[in-house]
């Protein structure tokens, strides 16, 4: 019995140390996890998209809407892993100034839409601000977006390829981050992190 108790205490100490180390590593690097596959505590839904957490991802395949961050951000980097079907309409909206009604007019829309009717602002673009320097497709695979907003300057990298490099616009200085479900097929996000600059 004493041996089992000692083992249980030892495992508890090791587990606590691992969690502490993980939290320390996150705080030392400055990255904050907004979605970890388990909860949507950092987001508020708007619209009628049927967001649900399934097997460590948050996904939607019906309706139209957003998951809007509860916090506002000014200068930051985002890393987000996402999956879309080829016809899915999605995006990551940044600096959204109205958390109740997110649009590409009151936020910057980093687009995820391979079949957009005007392909010049398709996947990899910032809609109406910067066309992608390389036309890439995201449908049917897991992808990683890395987005930096610093002052009026923006960069976007999709799967290691820079699609927007140093675009400038000063309309929105600060606001929320919003994950979009706009229709066309399933949209999934499995990891979303932000690092204030």
N, C-alpha and C. Protein backbone atom coordinates (compact mmCIF):
# COMPACT_ATOMS: atom_id res chain seq x y z
N UNK A 1 0.82 -1.20 0.00
CA UNK A 1 0.00 0.00 0.00
C UNK A 1 0.86 1.26 0.00
N UNK A 2 1.91 1.25 0.85
CA UNK A 2 2.81 2.41 0.91
C UNK A 2 3.49 2.63 -0.44
N UNK A 3 3.84 1.50 -1.08
CA UNK A 3 4.52 1.61 -2.37
C UNK A 3 3.59 2.23 -3.42
N UNK A 4 2.32 1.80 -3.46
CA UNK A 4 1.36 2.38 -4.39
C UNK A 4 1.16 3.86 -4.12
N UNK A 5 1.09 4.21 -2.85
CA UNK A 5 0.93 5.63 -2.48
C UNK A 5 2.13 6.44 -2.95
N UNK A 6 3.35 5.89 -2.77
CA UNK A 6 4.57 6.58 -3.19
C UNK A 6 4.59 6.75 -4.71
N UNK A 7 4.16 5.72 -5.43
CA UNK A 7 4.11 5.80 -6.90
C UNK A 7 3.10 6.87 -7.32
N UNK A 8 1.92 6.87 -6.68
CA UNK A 8 0.89 7.85 -7.03
C UNK A 8 1.39 9.27 -6.78
N UNK A 9 2.04 9.48 -5.63
CA UNK A 9 2.57 10.82 -5.33
C UNK A 9 3.65 11.19 -6.33
N UNK A 10 4.50 10.24 -6.67
CA UNK A 10 5.56 10.51 -7.64
C UNK A 10 5.00 10.91 -9.00
N UNK A 11 3.97 10.19 -9.46
CA UNK A 11 3.34 10.51 -10.75
C UNK A 11 2.67 11.89 -10.71
N UNK A 12 2.06 12.21 -9.58
CA UNK A 12 1.43 13.52 -9.42
C UNK A 12 2.46 14.64 -9.51
N UNK A 13 3.60 14.44 -8.85
CA UNK A 13 4.67 15.45 -8.88
C UNK A 13 5.21 15.60 -10.29
N UNK A 14 5.45 14.48 -10.97
CA UNK A 14 5.97 14.53 -12.35
C UNK A 14 4.97 15.21 -13.27
N UNK A 15 3.69 14.85 -13.14
CA UNK A 15 2.65 15.47 -13.97
C UNK A 15 2.55 16.96 -13.73
N UNK A 16 2.60 17.37 -12.47
CA UNK A 16 2.52 18.80 -12.14
C UNK A 16 3.72 19.54 -12.70
N UNK A 17 4.89 18.93 -12.61
CA UNK A 17 6.10 19.57 -13.14
C UNK A 17 6.00 19.73 -14.65
N UNK A 18 5.44 18.72 -15.33
CA UNK A 18 5.30 18.80 -16.79
C UNK A 18 4.36 19.91 -17.19
N UNK A 19 3.22 20.04 -16.50
CA UNK A 19 2.27 21.11 -16.79
C UNK A 19 2.92 22.47 -16.53
N UNK A 20 3.61 22.59 -15.39
CA UNK A 20 4.28 23.85 -15.05
C UNK A 20 5.31 24.21 -16.11
N UNK A 21 6.11 23.21 -16.54
CA UNK A 21 7.13 23.46 -17.54
C UNK A 21 6.50 23.91 -18.85
N UNK A 22 5.39 23.26 -19.25
CA UNK A 22 4.70 23.64 -20.48
C UNK A 22 4.18 25.07 -20.40
N UNK A 23 3.59 25.44 -19.26
CA UNK A 23 3.08 26.79 -19.09
C UNK A 23 4.22 27.81 -19.11
N UNK A 24 5.34 27.44 -18.48
CA UNK A 24 6.49 28.34 -18.46
C UNK A 24 7.03 28.54 -19.88
N UNK A 25 7.12 27.44 -20.64
CA UNK A 25 7.62 27.53 -22.01
C UNK A 25 6.74 28.44 -22.84
N UNK A 26 5.40 28.29 -22.67
CA UNK A 26 4.47 29.13 -23.42
C UNK A 26 4.63 30.60 -23.05
N UNK A 27 4.74 30.89 -21.75
CA UNK A 27 4.84 32.28 -21.34
C UNK A 27 6.19 32.87 -21.71
N UNK A 28 7.24 32.05 -21.73
CA UNK A 28 8.56 32.56 -22.09
C UNK A 28 8.62 32.90 -23.57
N UNK A 29 7.94 32.14 -24.41
CA UNK A 29 7.96 32.43 -25.84
C UNK A 29 6.95 33.50 -26.21
N UNK A 30 6.01 33.78 -25.32
CA UNK A 30 5.01 34.81 -25.58
C UNK A 30 3.76 34.35 -26.29
N UNK A 31 3.73 33.08 -26.71
CA UNK A 31 2.57 32.56 -27.43
C UNK A 31 1.45 32.22 -26.47
N UNK A 32 0.23 32.59 -26.82
CA UNK A 32 -0.96 32.30 -26.04
C UNK A 32 -1.86 31.39 -26.89
N UNK A 33 -2.27 30.25 -26.35
CA UNK A 33 -3.13 29.32 -27.08
C UNK A 33 -4.58 29.78 -26.97
N UNK A 34 -5.18 30.10 -28.12
CA UNK A 34 -6.59 30.48 -28.15
C UNK A 34 -7.49 29.27 -28.32
N UNK A 35 -7.03 28.28 -29.09
CA UNK A 35 -7.78 27.02 -29.20
C UNK A 35 -6.81 25.87 -29.13
N UNK A 36 -7.06 24.95 -28.18
CA UNK A 36 -6.16 23.83 -27.92
C UNK A 36 -6.80 22.48 -28.25
N UNK A 37 -7.94 22.49 -28.91
CA UNK A 37 -8.61 21.24 -29.23
C UNK A 37 -9.60 20.77 -28.17
N UNK A 38 -9.70 21.53 -27.07
CA UNK A 38 -10.55 21.07 -25.97
C UNK A 38 -11.67 22.03 -25.61
N UNK A 39 -11.45 23.34 -25.71
CA UNK A 39 -12.50 24.28 -25.29
C UNK A 39 -12.48 25.53 -26.15
N UNK A 40 -13.61 26.23 -26.14
CA UNK A 40 -13.74 27.49 -26.87
C UNK A 40 -13.85 28.65 -25.88
N UNK A 41 -13.15 28.53 -24.75
CA UNK A 41 -13.23 29.55 -23.70
C UNK A 41 -12.78 30.93 -24.16
N UNK A 42 -11.91 30.99 -25.16
CA UNK A 42 -11.38 32.28 -25.64
C UNK A 42 -12.24 32.91 -26.73
N UNK A 43 -13.33 32.24 -27.12
CA UNK A 43 -14.14 32.69 -28.25
C UNK A 43 -15.62 32.83 -27.89
N UNK A 44 -16.30 33.71 -28.61
CA UNK A 44 -17.76 33.82 -28.55
C UNK A 44 -18.28 33.61 -29.96
N UNK A 45 -19.28 32.75 -30.15
CA UNK A 45 -19.83 32.54 -31.49
C UNK A 45 -20.83 33.65 -31.86
N UNK A 46 -20.81 34.04 -33.13
CA UNK A 46 -21.86 34.89 -33.69
C UNK A 46 -22.33 34.24 -34.99
N UNK A 47 -23.57 34.50 -35.38
CA UNK A 47 -24.13 33.86 -36.55
C UNK A 47 -24.71 32.50 -36.20
N UNK A 48 -25.01 31.69 -37.23
CA UNK A 48 -25.66 30.41 -36.98
C UNK A 48 -24.85 29.21 -37.45
N UNK A 49 -23.53 29.38 -37.62
CA UNK A 49 -22.69 28.23 -37.98
C UNK A 49 -22.75 27.19 -36.86
N UNK A 50 -22.75 25.92 -37.23
CA UNK A 50 -22.89 24.83 -36.25
C UNK A 50 -21.54 24.37 -35.70
N UNK A 51 -20.78 25.30 -35.11
CA UNK A 51 -19.47 24.97 -34.55
C UNK A 51 -19.60 23.89 -33.47
N UNK A 52 -18.71 22.91 -33.54
CA UNK A 52 -18.64 21.89 -32.49
C UNK A 52 -17.21 21.35 -32.43
N UNK A 53 -16.83 20.88 -31.25
CA UNK A 53 -15.51 20.29 -31.09
C UNK A 53 -15.64 18.78 -31.28
N UNK A 54 -14.87 18.25 -32.23
CA UNK A 54 -14.89 16.83 -32.55
C UNK A 54 -13.45 16.35 -32.70
N UNK A 55 -13.05 15.38 -31.91
CA UNK A 55 -11.71 14.78 -32.01
C UNK A 55 -10.59 15.82 -32.03
N UNK A 56 -10.68 16.81 -31.15
CA UNK A 56 -9.60 17.78 -31.01
C UNK A 56 -9.61 18.91 -32.01
N UNK A 57 -10.64 19.01 -32.84
CA UNK A 57 -10.75 20.14 -33.77
C UNK A 57 -12.10 20.82 -33.57
N UNK A 58 -12.17 22.10 -33.88
CA UNK A 58 -13.46 22.78 -33.91
C UNK A 58 -13.85 22.89 -35.37
N UNK A 59 -15.09 22.50 -35.66
CA UNK A 59 -15.49 22.44 -37.06
C UNK A 59 -16.93 22.90 -37.24
N UNK A 60 -17.23 23.28 -38.48
CA UNK A 60 -18.59 23.63 -38.87
C UNK A 60 -18.80 23.17 -40.31
N UNK A 61 -20.06 22.83 -40.62
CA UNK A 61 -20.39 22.48 -42.00
C UNK A 61 -21.77 22.97 -42.42
N UNK A 62 -22.40 23.80 -41.55
CA UNK A 62 -23.71 24.38 -41.89
C UNK A 62 -23.80 25.77 -41.30
N UNK A 63 -24.64 26.60 -41.92
CA UNK A 63 -24.87 27.94 -41.42
C UNK A 63 -23.84 28.92 -41.92
N UNK A 64 -23.70 30.01 -41.18
CA UNK A 64 -22.77 31.07 -41.56
C UNK A 64 -22.44 31.84 -40.28
N UNK A 65 -21.19 31.95 -39.95
CA UNK A 65 -20.86 32.67 -38.73
C UNK A 65 -19.39 32.64 -38.38
N UNK A 66 -19.10 33.10 -37.17
CA UNK A 66 -17.72 33.28 -36.72
C UNK A 66 -17.55 32.82 -35.28
N UNK A 67 -16.32 32.46 -34.96
CA UNK A 67 -15.87 32.37 -33.58
C UNK A 67 -15.00 33.60 -33.36
N UNK A 68 -15.44 34.49 -32.46
CA UNK A 68 -14.78 35.79 -32.27
C UNK A 68 -14.03 35.78 -30.94
N UNK A 69 -12.76 36.17 -30.97
CA UNK A 69 -11.97 36.17 -29.74
C UNK A 69 -12.57 37.14 -28.72
N UNK A 70 -12.46 36.78 -27.45
CA UNK A 70 -12.97 37.64 -26.39
C UNK A 70 -12.04 38.82 -26.14
N UNK A 71 -10.78 38.66 -26.50
CA UNK A 71 -9.80 39.73 -26.31
C UNK A 71 -9.55 40.45 -27.63
N UNK A 72 -9.09 41.68 -27.51
CA UNK A 72 -8.75 42.52 -28.65
C UNK A 72 -7.23 42.56 -28.77
N UNK A 73 -6.74 42.67 -30.00
CA UNK A 73 -5.29 42.66 -30.25
C UNK A 73 -4.91 43.80 -31.19
N UNK A 74 -3.71 44.33 -30.96
CA UNK A 74 -3.21 45.44 -31.77
C UNK A 74 -2.11 44.94 -32.71
N UNK A 75 -0.92 44.73 -32.19
CA UNK A 75 0.21 44.19 -32.96
C UNK A 75 0.45 42.76 -32.49
N UNK A 76 0.53 41.80 -33.43
CA UNK A 76 0.59 40.39 -33.02
C UNK A 76 0.98 39.51 -34.19
N UNK A 77 1.29 38.26 -33.84
CA UNK A 77 1.45 37.18 -34.80
C UNK A 77 0.40 36.12 -34.47
N UNK A 78 -0.10 35.45 -35.48
CA UNK A 78 -1.03 34.33 -35.30
C UNK A 78 -0.46 33.13 -36.03
N UNK A 79 -0.61 31.97 -35.41
CA UNK A 79 -0.37 30.69 -36.09
C UNK A 79 -1.68 29.92 -35.97
N UNK A 80 -2.19 29.43 -37.09
CA UNK A 80 -3.44 28.69 -37.07
C UNK A 80 -3.35 27.52 -38.04
N UNK A 81 -3.75 26.34 -37.56
CA UNK A 81 -3.82 25.15 -38.40
C UNK A 81 -5.28 24.94 -38.79
N UNK A 82 -5.52 24.75 -40.08
CA UNK A 82 -6.90 24.62 -40.55
C UNK A 82 -7.00 23.61 -41.69
N UNK A 83 -8.22 23.09 -41.85
CA UNK A 83 -8.54 22.17 -42.93
C UNK A 83 -9.83 22.66 -43.58
N UNK A 84 -9.86 22.69 -44.90
CA UNK A 84 -11.09 23.05 -45.62
C UNK A 84 -11.27 22.08 -46.79
N UNK A 85 -12.52 21.88 -47.18
CA UNK A 85 -12.79 21.18 -48.42
C UNK A 85 -12.56 22.15 -49.57
N UNK A 86 -12.36 21.66 -50.80
CA UNK A 86 -12.00 22.54 -51.91
C UNK A 86 -12.95 23.72 -52.15
N UNK A 87 -14.25 23.56 -51.87
CA UNK A 87 -15.21 24.65 -52.11
C UNK A 87 -15.53 25.47 -50.86
N UNK A 88 -14.90 25.14 -49.73
CA UNK A 88 -15.21 25.84 -48.47
C UNK A 88 -14.82 27.31 -48.52
N UNK A 89 -15.66 28.12 -47.90
CA UNK A 89 -15.40 29.56 -47.76
C UNK A 89 -15.11 29.82 -46.29
N UNK A 90 -13.89 30.26 -46.00
CA UNK A 90 -13.49 30.54 -44.64
C UNK A 90 -12.49 31.68 -44.66
N UNK A 91 -11.95 31.97 -43.51
CA UNK A 91 -10.94 32.99 -43.39
C UNK A 91 -10.63 33.26 -41.94
N UNK A 92 -9.54 33.99 -41.72
CA UNK A 92 -9.19 34.47 -40.40
C UNK A 92 -9.26 35.98 -40.47
N UNK A 93 -10.20 36.55 -39.74
CA UNK A 93 -10.38 38.01 -39.73
C UNK A 93 -9.59 38.56 -38.54
N UNK A 94 -8.84 39.62 -38.78
CA UNK A 94 -8.03 40.21 -37.73
C UNK A 94 -8.39 41.68 -37.55
N UNK A 95 -8.17 42.17 -36.32
CA UNK A 95 -8.50 43.54 -35.94
C UNK A 95 -9.96 43.89 -36.25
N UNK A 96 -10.85 42.97 -36.00
CA UNK A 96 -12.28 43.21 -36.21
C UNK A 96 -12.77 44.22 -35.17
N UNK A 97 -13.31 45.34 -35.62
CA UNK A 97 -13.68 46.42 -34.71
C UNK A 97 -15.09 46.28 -34.12
N UNK A 98 -15.92 45.42 -34.72
CA UNK A 98 -17.26 45.18 -34.19
C UNK A 98 -17.43 43.68 -33.94
N UNK A 99 -17.29 43.22 -32.69
CA UNK A 99 -17.35 41.78 -32.42
C UNK A 99 -18.73 41.16 -32.63
N UNK A 100 -19.76 41.97 -32.83
CA UNK A 100 -21.10 41.44 -33.07
C UNK A 100 -21.43 41.29 -34.55
N UNK A 101 -20.65 41.97 -35.40
CA UNK A 101 -20.89 41.90 -36.85
C UNK A 101 -19.56 42.04 -37.57
N UNK A 102 -18.93 40.92 -37.85
CA UNK A 102 -17.61 40.90 -38.48
C UNK A 102 -17.77 40.88 -39.99
N UNK A 103 -17.10 41.80 -40.67
CA UNK A 103 -17.10 41.85 -42.14
C UNK A 103 -15.71 42.23 -42.63
N UNK A 104 -15.51 42.13 -43.93
CA UNK A 104 -14.22 42.54 -44.49
C UNK A 104 -14.10 44.06 -44.55
N UNK A 105 -15.16 44.78 -44.18
CA UNK A 105 -15.11 46.25 -44.14
C UNK A 105 -14.69 46.78 -42.77
N UNK A 106 -14.95 45.98 -41.69
CA UNK A 106 -14.55 46.45 -40.35
C UNK A 106 -13.46 45.56 -39.76
N UNK A 107 -12.78 44.80 -40.62
CA UNK A 107 -11.67 43.93 -40.22
C UNK A 107 -10.82 43.65 -41.44
N UNK A 108 -9.68 43.02 -41.22
CA UNK A 108 -8.86 42.51 -42.32
C UNK A 108 -9.15 41.02 -42.46
N UNK A 109 -9.57 40.61 -43.67
CA UNK A 109 -9.92 39.21 -43.92
C UNK A 109 -8.77 38.51 -44.63
N UNK A 110 -8.07 37.65 -43.90
CA UNK A 110 -7.05 36.80 -44.51
C UNK A 110 -7.81 35.58 -45.04
N UNK A 111 -7.95 35.52 -46.34
CA UNK A 111 -8.94 34.64 -46.96
C UNK A 111 -8.49 33.18 -47.05
N UNK A 112 -9.50 32.31 -46.93
CA UNK A 112 -9.36 30.88 -47.22
C UNK A 112 -10.56 30.53 -48.10
N UNK A 113 -10.36 30.59 -49.41
CA UNK A 113 -11.46 30.30 -50.33
C UNK A 113 -10.88 30.03 -51.72
N UNK A 114 -10.59 28.76 -52.00
CA UNK A 114 -9.95 28.37 -53.25
C UNK A 114 -10.80 28.67 -54.47
N UNK A 115 -12.15 28.67 -54.31
CA UNK A 115 -13.04 28.82 -55.46
C UNK A 115 -13.76 30.18 -55.44
N UNK A 116 -13.13 31.18 -54.85
CA UNK A 116 -13.75 32.51 -54.80
C UNK A 116 -14.03 33.00 -56.23
N UNK A 117 -15.23 33.57 -56.48
CA UNK A 117 -15.56 34.03 -57.83
C UNK A 117 -14.52 34.99 -58.42
N UNK A 118 -13.98 35.91 -57.58
CA UNK A 118 -12.85 36.75 -58.02
C UNK A 118 -11.60 36.15 -57.38
N UNK A 119 -10.88 35.29 -58.12
CA UNK A 119 -9.76 34.56 -57.52
C UNK A 119 -8.59 35.45 -57.12
N UNK A 120 -8.58 36.71 -57.56
CA UNK A 120 -7.44 37.57 -57.22
C UNK A 120 -7.33 37.84 -55.73
N UNK A 121 -8.44 37.67 -54.98
CA UNK A 121 -8.39 37.78 -53.52
C UNK A 121 -8.79 36.46 -52.87
N UNK A 122 -8.36 35.36 -53.47
CA UNK A 122 -8.65 34.03 -52.94
C UNK A 122 -7.74 33.67 -51.78
N UNK A 123 -7.52 32.38 -51.59
CA UNK A 123 -6.70 31.89 -50.49
C UNK A 123 -5.32 32.54 -50.50
N UNK A 124 -4.91 33.03 -49.34
CA UNK A 124 -3.60 33.68 -49.21
C UNK A 124 -3.64 35.18 -49.31
N UNK A 125 -4.78 35.76 -49.69
CA UNK A 125 -4.92 37.21 -49.85
C UNK A 125 -5.45 37.86 -48.58
N UNK A 126 -5.28 39.16 -48.48
CA UNK A 126 -6.03 39.98 -47.53
C UNK A 126 -7.05 40.73 -48.39
N UNK A 127 -8.31 40.37 -48.24
CA UNK A 127 -9.35 40.83 -49.16
C UNK A 127 -9.38 42.35 -49.27
N UNK A 128 -9.35 42.83 -50.52
CA UNK A 128 -9.39 44.25 -50.88
C UNK A 128 -8.17 45.05 -50.42
N UNK A 129 -7.15 44.37 -49.86
CA UNK A 129 -5.94 45.05 -49.41
C UNK A 129 -4.71 44.53 -50.15
N UNK A 130 -4.55 43.21 -50.20
CA UNK A 130 -3.34 42.64 -50.81
C UNK A 130 -3.67 41.33 -51.52
N UNK A 131 -3.39 41.28 -52.82
CA UNK A 131 -3.53 40.04 -53.58
C UNK A 131 -2.35 39.13 -53.25
N UNK A 132 -2.54 37.81 -53.31
CA UNK A 132 -1.42 36.93 -53.00
C UNK A 132 -0.36 36.97 -54.09
N UNK A 133 0.90 36.97 -53.68
CA UNK A 133 2.00 36.96 -54.64
C UNK A 133 2.11 35.60 -55.33
N UNK A 134 1.60 34.56 -54.66
CA UNK A 134 1.58 33.20 -55.20
C UNK A 134 0.17 32.67 -54.99
N UNK A 135 -0.42 32.09 -56.04
CA UNK A 135 -1.77 31.51 -55.91
C UNK A 135 -1.64 30.08 -55.42
N UNK A 136 -2.07 29.85 -54.18
CA UNK A 136 -1.99 28.53 -53.58
C UNK A 136 -3.40 28.01 -53.29
N UNK A 137 -3.52 26.69 -53.19
CA UNK A 137 -4.79 26.06 -52.84
C UNK A 137 -4.65 25.41 -51.47
N UNK A 138 -5.72 25.48 -50.68
CA UNK A 138 -5.71 24.91 -49.33
C UNK A 138 -6.64 23.71 -49.20
N UNK A 139 -7.53 23.51 -50.16
CA UNK A 139 -8.57 22.48 -50.04
C UNK A 139 -8.04 21.06 -49.96
N UNK A 140 -8.68 20.27 -49.09
CA UNK A 140 -8.39 18.85 -49.01
C UNK A 140 -7.16 18.48 -48.20
N UNK A 141 -6.61 19.41 -47.43
CA UNK A 141 -5.40 19.12 -46.65
C UNK A 141 -5.34 20.02 -45.42
N UNK A 142 -4.51 19.63 -44.45
CA UNK A 142 -4.24 20.50 -43.31
C UNK A 142 -3.22 21.55 -43.73
N UNK A 143 -3.45 22.76 -43.29
CA UNK A 143 -2.62 23.91 -43.66
C UNK A 143 -2.25 24.70 -42.41
N UNK A 144 -1.21 25.52 -42.54
CA UNK A 144 -0.82 26.42 -41.46
C UNK A 144 -0.71 27.83 -42.00
N UNK A 145 -1.46 28.74 -41.38
CA UNK A 145 -1.33 30.17 -41.65
C UNK A 145 -0.46 30.79 -40.56
N UNK A 146 0.46 31.66 -40.98
CA UNK A 146 1.21 32.51 -40.06
C UNK A 146 0.96 33.94 -40.52
N UNK A 147 0.36 34.73 -39.65
CA UNK A 147 -0.06 36.09 -40.00
C UNK A 147 0.58 37.04 -39.00
N UNK A 148 1.18 38.12 -39.53
CA UNK A 148 1.75 39.15 -38.66
C UNK A 148 1.11 40.49 -38.99
N UNK A 149 0.62 41.17 -37.94
CA UNK A 149 0.09 42.53 -38.07
C UNK A 149 0.89 43.41 -37.12
N UNK A 150 1.64 44.34 -37.67
CA UNK A 150 2.46 45.23 -36.84
C UNK A 150 2.31 46.65 -37.38
N UNK A 151 1.59 47.48 -36.61
CA UNK A 151 1.25 48.80 -37.13
C UNK A 151 0.43 48.63 -38.39
N UNK A 152 0.75 49.40 -39.45
CA UNK A 152 -0.01 49.28 -40.69
C UNK A 152 0.52 48.20 -41.64
N UNK A 153 1.49 47.40 -41.18
CA UNK A 153 2.17 46.44 -42.06
C UNK A 153 1.72 45.01 -41.76
N UNK A 154 1.52 44.22 -42.85
CA UNK A 154 1.01 42.86 -42.73
C UNK A 154 1.83 41.89 -43.57
N UNK A 155 2.04 40.69 -43.00
CA UNK A 155 2.60 39.60 -43.78
C UNK A 155 1.74 38.36 -43.54
N UNK A 156 1.64 37.54 -44.59
CA UNK A 156 0.87 36.30 -44.52
C UNK A 156 1.72 35.19 -45.13
N UNK A 157 1.83 34.08 -44.41
CA UNK A 157 2.56 32.91 -44.89
C UNK A 157 1.62 31.71 -44.81
N UNK A 158 1.50 30.99 -45.92
CA UNK A 158 0.67 29.78 -45.98
C UNK A 158 1.56 28.59 -46.27
N UNK A 159 1.61 27.67 -45.33
CA UNK A 159 2.42 26.45 -45.48
C UNK A 159 3.86 26.75 -45.86
N UNK A 160 4.42 27.79 -45.24
CA UNK A 160 5.82 28.13 -45.47
C UNK A 160 6.08 29.04 -46.66
N UNK A 161 5.05 29.37 -47.44
CA UNK A 161 5.21 30.25 -48.60
C UNK A 161 4.60 31.60 -48.29
N UNK A 162 5.38 32.66 -48.45
CA UNK A 162 4.90 34.03 -48.18
C UNK A 162 3.97 34.44 -49.31
N UNK A 163 2.71 34.72 -48.98
CA UNK A 163 1.73 35.14 -49.99
C UNK A 163 1.48 36.65 -49.95
N UNK A 164 1.68 37.27 -48.79
CA UNK A 164 1.59 38.72 -48.65
C UNK A 164 2.83 39.16 -47.88
N UNK A 165 3.57 40.10 -48.45
CA UNK A 165 4.83 40.51 -47.84
C UNK A 165 4.89 42.02 -47.70
N UNK A 166 4.57 42.51 -46.50
CA UNK A 166 4.72 43.93 -46.23
C UNK A 166 3.60 44.80 -46.76
N UNK A 167 2.41 44.24 -46.96
CA UNK A 167 1.27 45.07 -47.38
C UNK A 167 1.00 46.11 -46.30
N UNK A 168 0.52 47.28 -46.71
CA UNK A 168 0.29 48.36 -45.74
C UNK A 168 -1.14 48.88 -45.84
N UNK A 169 -1.74 49.09 -44.66
CA UNK A 169 -3.07 49.69 -44.58
C UNK A 169 -3.28 50.14 -43.14
N UNK A 170 -3.90 51.30 -42.97
CA UNK A 170 -4.06 51.84 -41.62
C UNK A 170 -5.50 51.99 -41.16
N UNK A 171 -6.44 51.29 -41.79
CA UNK A 171 -7.86 51.46 -41.42
C UNK A 171 -8.20 50.98 -40.02
N UNK A 172 -7.64 49.83 -39.64
CA UNK A 172 -8.01 49.20 -38.37
C UNK A 172 -6.75 48.97 -37.54
N UNK A 173 -6.64 49.67 -36.43
CA UNK A 173 -5.42 49.59 -35.61
C UNK A 173 -5.49 48.48 -34.57
N UNK A 174 -6.71 48.07 -34.19
CA UNK A 174 -6.86 47.09 -33.12
C UNK A 174 -8.24 46.45 -33.23
N UNK A 175 -8.35 45.20 -32.77
CA UNK A 175 -9.65 44.55 -32.78
C UNK A 175 -9.54 43.07 -32.49
N UNK A 176 -10.64 42.37 -32.70
CA UNK A 176 -10.74 40.94 -32.38
C UNK A 176 -10.21 40.08 -33.52
N UNK A 177 -9.97 38.83 -33.19
CA UNK A 177 -9.63 37.79 -34.17
C UNK A 177 -10.89 36.94 -34.35
N UNK A 178 -11.23 36.62 -35.59
CA UNK A 178 -12.45 35.85 -35.84
C UNK A 178 -12.18 34.75 -36.85
N UNK A 179 -12.61 33.54 -36.53
CA UNK A 179 -12.51 32.39 -37.42
C UNK A 179 -13.85 32.24 -38.13
N UNK A 180 -13.82 32.14 -39.44
CA UNK A 180 -15.06 32.18 -40.23
C UNK A 180 -15.49 30.81 -40.72
N UNK A 181 -16.82 30.59 -40.69
CA UNK A 181 -17.44 29.55 -41.51
C UNK A 181 -18.41 30.24 -42.44
N UNK A 182 -18.11 30.20 -43.76
CA UNK A 182 -18.95 30.90 -44.72
C UNK A 182 -19.67 29.99 -45.70
N UNK A 183 -19.59 28.66 -45.48
CA UNK A 183 -20.32 27.74 -46.35
C UNK A 183 -19.41 26.98 -47.31
N UNK A 184 -20.04 26.16 -48.15
CA UNK A 184 -19.34 25.46 -49.21
C UNK A 184 -18.78 24.09 -48.86
N UNK A 185 -18.67 23.78 -47.60
CA UNK A 185 -18.09 22.50 -47.17
C UNK A 185 -17.54 22.64 -45.77
N UNK A 186 -17.00 21.55 -45.25
CA UNK A 186 -16.53 21.57 -43.87
C UNK A 186 -15.31 22.48 -43.71
N UNK A 187 -15.23 23.14 -42.55
CA UNK A 187 -14.08 23.96 -42.15
C UNK A 187 -13.67 23.50 -40.77
N UNK A 188 -12.38 23.26 -40.57
CA UNK A 188 -11.87 22.81 -39.28
C UNK A 188 -10.66 23.65 -38.87
N UNK A 189 -10.57 23.94 -37.57
CA UNK A 189 -9.38 24.54 -36.99
C UNK A 189 -8.94 23.63 -35.85
N UNK A 190 -7.64 23.34 -35.76
CA UNK A 190 -7.18 22.44 -34.67
C UNK A 190 -6.17 23.08 -33.74
N UNK A 191 -5.57 24.19 -34.10
CA UNK A 191 -4.66 24.88 -33.18
C UNK A 191 -4.60 26.33 -33.61
N UNK A 192 -4.85 27.21 -32.66
CA UNK A 192 -4.80 28.65 -32.93
C UNK A 192 -4.03 29.30 -31.79
N UNK A 193 -2.93 29.99 -32.13
CA UNK A 193 -2.11 30.66 -31.13
C UNK A 193 -1.87 32.11 -31.55
N UNK A 194 -1.73 32.99 -30.58
CA UNK A 194 -1.44 34.39 -30.86
C UNK A 194 -0.29 34.84 -29.97
N UNK A 195 0.55 35.71 -30.53
CA UNK A 195 1.68 36.27 -29.77
C UNK A 195 1.65 37.78 -29.91
N UNK A 196 1.23 38.49 -28.86
CA UNK A 196 1.25 39.95 -28.91
C UNK A 196 2.69 40.46 -29.11
N UNK A 197 2.84 41.49 -29.92
CA UNK A 197 4.17 42.05 -30.20
C UNK A 197 4.36 43.37 -29.48
